[in-house]
Amino acid sequence: MQCPYKNVPIFYFPVGLTHLTFMQTTAEYYCAYCGEPNTTFIDLSTGLSQQYVEDCQVCCRPNILYITIDEETLDVDIQTDCEDR
């Protein structure tokens, strides 16, 4: 199978998706503390539901990111919460 973009590898998604996809994408979330927008990388190969902590790029406080990826469209939804609650 030929990738339409040069030098970009194509991978099969390991969790049951029936189409080809890139393994990483970016998504935006809003800091649970200061409300500022942040951009993060999402590794699609780790599953359709993910959770991890990432520091805000503006106020440096830790946000818990709850990531959900739509299996059909690969749309990413991110909910945040304060780590110290």
N, C-alpha and C. Protein backbone atom coordinates (compact mmCIF):
# COMPACT_ATOMS: atom_id res chain seq x y z
N MET A 1 0.85 -1.18 0.00
CA MET A 1 0.00 0.00 0.00
C MET A 1 0.89 1.24 0.00
N GLN A 2 0.54 2.19 -0.83
CA GLN A 2 1.35 3.39 -0.99
C GLN A 2 0.76 4.53 -0.17
N CYS A 3 1.58 5.20 0.62
CA CYS A 3 1.14 6.35 1.41
C CYS A 3 1.10 7.58 0.50
N PRO A 4 0.04 8.41 0.60
CA PRO A 4 -0.03 9.60 -0.25
C PRO A 4 0.99 10.67 0.15
N TYR A 5 1.57 10.56 1.32
CA TYR A 5 2.57 11.52 1.77
C TYR A 5 3.93 10.84 1.76
N LYS A 6 4.90 11.50 1.20
CA LYS A 6 6.23 10.90 1.11
C LYS A 6 6.86 10.79 2.49
N ASN A 7 7.56 9.70 2.71
CA ASN A 7 8.34 9.45 3.93
C ASN A 7 7.50 9.40 5.21
N VAL A 8 6.21 9.14 5.09
CA VAL A 8 5.37 9.00 6.27
C VAL A 8 4.91 7.55 6.33
N PRO A 9 5.27 6.83 7.38
CA PRO A 9 4.89 5.41 7.45
C PRO A 9 3.40 5.24 7.70
N ILE A 10 2.84 4.16 7.19
CA ILE A 10 1.46 3.78 7.47
C ILE A 10 1.50 2.56 8.38
N PHE A 11 0.63 2.55 9.38
CA PHE A 11 0.56 1.45 10.32
C PHE A 11 -0.87 0.95 10.39
N TYR A 12 -1.03 -0.32 10.71
CA TYR A 12 -2.36 -0.83 11.01
C TYR A 12 -2.65 -0.56 12.47
N PHE A 13 -3.84 -0.07 12.75
CA PHE A 13 -4.22 0.25 14.12
C PHE A 13 -4.52 -1.05 14.85
N PRO A 14 -3.87 -1.33 15.97
CA PRO A 14 -3.94 -2.65 16.59
C PRO A 14 -5.17 -2.95 17.42
N VAL A 15 -6.12 -2.04 17.58
CA VAL A 15 -7.22 -2.30 18.49
C VAL A 15 -8.55 -2.51 17.76
N GLY A 16 -8.51 -3.10 16.58
CA GLY A 16 -9.75 -3.48 15.93
C GLY A 16 -10.25 -2.53 14.86
N LEU A 17 -9.58 -1.44 14.61
CA LEU A 17 -10.02 -0.56 13.53
C LEU A 17 -9.73 -1.23 12.20
N THR A 18 -10.57 -0.97 11.24
CA THR A 18 -10.44 -1.66 9.96
C THR A 18 -9.79 -0.80 8.89
N HIS A 19 -9.27 0.36 9.25
CA HIS A 19 -8.64 1.22 8.25
C HIS A 19 -7.24 1.60 8.70
N LEU A 20 -6.49 2.16 7.78
CA LEU A 20 -5.13 2.60 8.09
C LEU A 20 -5.17 3.97 8.74
N THR A 21 -4.20 4.24 9.59
CA THR A 21 -4.15 5.53 10.26
C THR A 21 -2.72 5.85 10.66
N PHE A 22 -2.47 7.11 10.88
CA PHE A 22 -1.18 7.52 11.42
C PHE A 22 -1.21 7.23 12.91
N MET A 23 -0.08 6.94 13.50
CA MET A 23 -0.03 6.51 14.89
C MET A 23 -0.07 7.67 15.89
N GLN A 24 0.13 8.90 15.43
CA GLN A 24 0.18 10.01 16.36
C GLN A 24 -0.54 11.21 15.77
N THR A 25 -1.21 11.95 16.63
CA THR A 25 -1.90 13.16 16.21
C THR A 25 -1.79 14.18 17.34
N THR A 26 -2.22 15.38 17.10
CA THR A 26 -2.25 16.39 18.16
C THR A 26 -3.69 16.75 18.46
N ALA A 27 -3.91 17.23 19.66
CA ALA A 27 -5.23 17.68 20.08
C ALA A 27 -5.07 18.81 21.09
N GLU A 28 -6.12 19.60 21.22
CA GLU A 28 -6.09 20.74 22.13
C GLU A 28 -6.94 20.44 23.36
N TYR A 29 -6.46 20.90 24.52
CA TYR A 29 -7.25 20.82 25.74
C TYR A 29 -7.08 22.13 26.49
N TYR A 30 -7.97 22.38 27.43
CA TYR A 30 -7.91 23.59 28.23
C TYR A 30 -7.49 23.23 29.66
N CYS A 31 -6.53 23.97 30.18
CA CYS A 31 -5.99 23.71 31.52
C CYS A 31 -7.10 23.79 32.56
N ALA A 32 -7.13 22.82 33.46
CA ALA A 32 -8.13 22.78 34.52
C ALA A 32 -7.89 23.86 35.57
N TYR A 33 -6.71 24.45 35.59
CA TYR A 33 -6.37 25.49 36.56
C TYR A 33 -6.56 26.89 35.99
N CYS A 34 -5.85 27.19 34.89
CA CYS A 34 -5.84 28.56 34.36
C CYS A 34 -6.75 28.75 33.15
N GLY A 35 -7.26 27.66 32.56
CA GLY A 35 -8.17 27.75 31.44
C GLY A 35 -7.54 28.04 30.09
N GLU A 36 -6.23 28.11 30.05
CA GLU A 36 -5.54 28.40 28.79
C GLU A 36 -5.49 27.16 27.89
N PRO A 37 -5.56 27.36 26.57
CA PRO A 37 -5.47 26.22 25.65
C PRO A 37 -4.05 25.65 25.60
N ASN A 38 -3.96 24.35 25.47
CA ASN A 38 -2.69 23.64 25.35
C ASN A 38 -2.83 22.63 24.21
N THR A 39 -1.73 22.31 23.58
CA THR A 39 -1.70 21.27 22.55
C THR A 39 -0.88 20.11 23.07
N THR A 40 -1.37 18.90 22.83
CA THR A 40 -0.67 17.71 23.27
C THR A 40 -0.63 16.69 22.13
N PHE A 41 0.34 15.80 22.18
CA PHE A 41 0.43 14.70 21.23
C PHE A 41 -0.38 13.53 21.76
N ILE A 42 -1.12 12.87 20.90
CA ILE A 42 -1.90 11.70 21.24
C ILE A 42 -1.33 10.52 20.47
N ASP A 43 -0.93 9.48 21.19
CA ASP A 43 -0.41 8.27 20.56
C ASP A 43 -1.59 7.33 20.34
N LEU A 44 -2.04 7.24 19.10
CA LEU A 44 -3.22 6.44 18.77
C LEU A 44 -3.01 4.95 18.98
N SER A 45 -1.78 4.50 19.02
CA SER A 45 -1.51 3.07 19.16
C SER A 45 -1.74 2.55 20.58
N THR A 46 -1.95 3.44 21.55
CA THR A 46 -2.12 2.99 22.93
C THR A 46 -3.57 2.78 23.32
N GLY A 47 -4.50 2.90 22.38
CA GLY A 47 -5.89 2.58 22.66
C GLY A 47 -6.83 3.75 22.50
N LEU A 48 -8.12 3.45 22.54
CA LEU A 48 -9.15 4.45 22.31
C LEU A 48 -9.52 5.22 23.57
N SER A 49 -9.08 4.77 24.72
CA SER A 49 -9.32 5.45 25.98
C SER A 49 -7.99 5.52 26.73
N GLN A 50 -7.58 6.74 27.06
CA GLN A 50 -6.28 6.93 27.70
C GLN A 50 -6.43 7.91 28.86
N GLN A 51 -5.50 7.83 29.80
CA GLN A 51 -5.47 8.78 30.92
C GLN A 51 -4.02 8.97 31.32
N TYR A 52 -3.61 10.21 31.42
CA TYR A 52 -2.27 10.52 31.92
C TYR A 52 -2.20 11.95 32.41
N VAL A 53 -1.10 12.31 33.05
CA VAL A 53 -0.91 13.65 33.61
C VAL A 53 0.06 14.41 32.72
N GLU A 54 -0.31 15.66 32.44
CA GLU A 54 0.56 16.53 31.64
C GLU A 54 0.52 17.93 32.24
N ASP A 55 1.67 18.55 32.36
CA ASP A 55 1.75 19.91 32.90
C ASP A 55 1.27 20.93 31.88
N CYS A 56 0.55 21.95 32.37
CA CYS A 56 0.08 23.03 31.52
C CYS A 56 1.29 23.79 30.96
N GLN A 57 1.24 24.14 29.68
CA GLN A 57 2.32 24.85 29.04
C GLN A 57 2.37 26.32 29.46
N VAL A 58 1.31 26.81 30.14
CA VAL A 58 1.26 28.21 30.56
C VAL A 58 1.56 28.34 32.06
N CYS A 59 0.78 27.64 32.91
CA CYS A 59 0.94 27.81 34.36
C CYS A 59 1.75 26.69 35.02
N CYS A 60 2.10 25.67 34.25
CA CYS A 60 2.96 24.56 34.71
C CYS A 60 2.32 23.66 35.76
N ARG A 61 1.03 23.75 35.97
CA ARG A 61 0.37 22.88 36.95
C ARG A 61 -0.07 21.59 36.28
N PRO A 62 -0.10 20.49 37.04
CA PRO A 62 -0.41 19.18 36.46
C PRO A 62 -1.90 18.98 36.19
N ASN A 63 -2.22 18.60 34.98
CA ASN A 63 -3.60 18.29 34.57
C ASN A 63 -3.71 16.80 34.32
N ILE A 64 -4.79 16.19 34.81
CA ILE A 64 -5.11 14.82 34.44
C ILE A 64 -5.89 14.90 33.13
N LEU A 65 -5.39 14.24 32.10
CA LEU A 65 -6.07 14.23 30.81
C LEU A 65 -6.81 12.91 30.65
N TYR A 66 -8.11 12.99 30.38
CA TYR A 66 -8.94 11.83 30.08
C TYR A 66 -9.24 11.90 28.59
N ILE A 67 -8.64 11.01 27.83
CA ILE A 67 -8.69 11.07 26.38
C ILE A 67 -9.56 9.95 25.84
N THR A 68 -10.49 10.32 24.96
CA THR A 68 -11.34 9.36 24.28
C THR A 68 -11.20 9.59 22.79
N ILE A 69 -10.98 8.50 22.05
CA ILE A 69 -10.81 8.58 20.60
C ILE A 69 -11.96 7.83 19.95
N ASP A 70 -12.67 8.50 19.05
CA ASP A 70 -13.78 7.88 18.33
C ASP A 70 -13.23 6.85 17.36
N GLU A 71 -13.72 5.63 17.44
CA GLU A 71 -13.21 4.52 16.63
C GLU A 71 -13.43 4.73 15.14
N GLU A 72 -14.52 5.35 14.77
CA GLU A 72 -14.85 5.54 13.35
C GLU A 72 -14.12 6.73 12.73
N THR A 73 -14.16 7.87 13.42
CA THR A 73 -13.63 9.11 12.84
C THR A 73 -12.24 9.49 13.34
N LEU A 74 -11.80 8.85 14.41
CA LEU A 74 -10.54 9.17 15.10
C LEU A 74 -10.53 10.58 15.68
N ASP A 75 -11.73 11.16 15.89
CA ASP A 75 -11.82 12.44 16.59
C ASP A 75 -11.40 12.23 18.04
N VAL A 76 -10.65 13.20 18.56
CA VAL A 76 -10.11 13.11 19.92
C VAL A 76 -10.89 14.06 20.83
N ASP A 77 -11.35 13.55 21.96
CA ASP A 77 -12.01 14.37 22.98
C ASP A 77 -11.16 14.29 24.24
N ILE A 78 -10.84 15.45 24.81
CA ILE A 78 -10.03 15.49 26.03
C ILE A 78 -10.78 16.23 27.12
N GLN A 79 -10.96 15.57 28.24
CA GLN A 79 -11.50 16.18 29.46
C GLN A 79 -10.33 16.33 30.43
N THR A 80 -10.32 17.41 31.21
CA THR A 80 -9.23 17.63 32.15
C THR A 80 -9.74 17.74 33.57
N ASP A 81 -8.86 17.48 34.51
CA ASP A 81 -9.16 17.64 35.92
C ASP A 81 -7.88 18.04 36.62
N CYS A 82 -8.02 18.69 37.76
CA CYS A 82 -6.86 19.07 38.56
C CYS A 82 -6.29 17.82 39.23
N GLU A 83 -4.97 17.71 39.28
CA GLU A 83 -4.35 16.53 39.89
C GLU A 83 -4.50 16.53 41.40
N ASP A 84 -4.59 17.70 42.03
CA ASP A 84 -4.56 17.77 43.49
C ASP A 84 -5.95 17.73 44.13
N ARG A 85 -6.97 17.25 43.42
CA ARG A 85 -8.32 17.13 44.03
C ARG A 85 -8.49 15.79 44.66
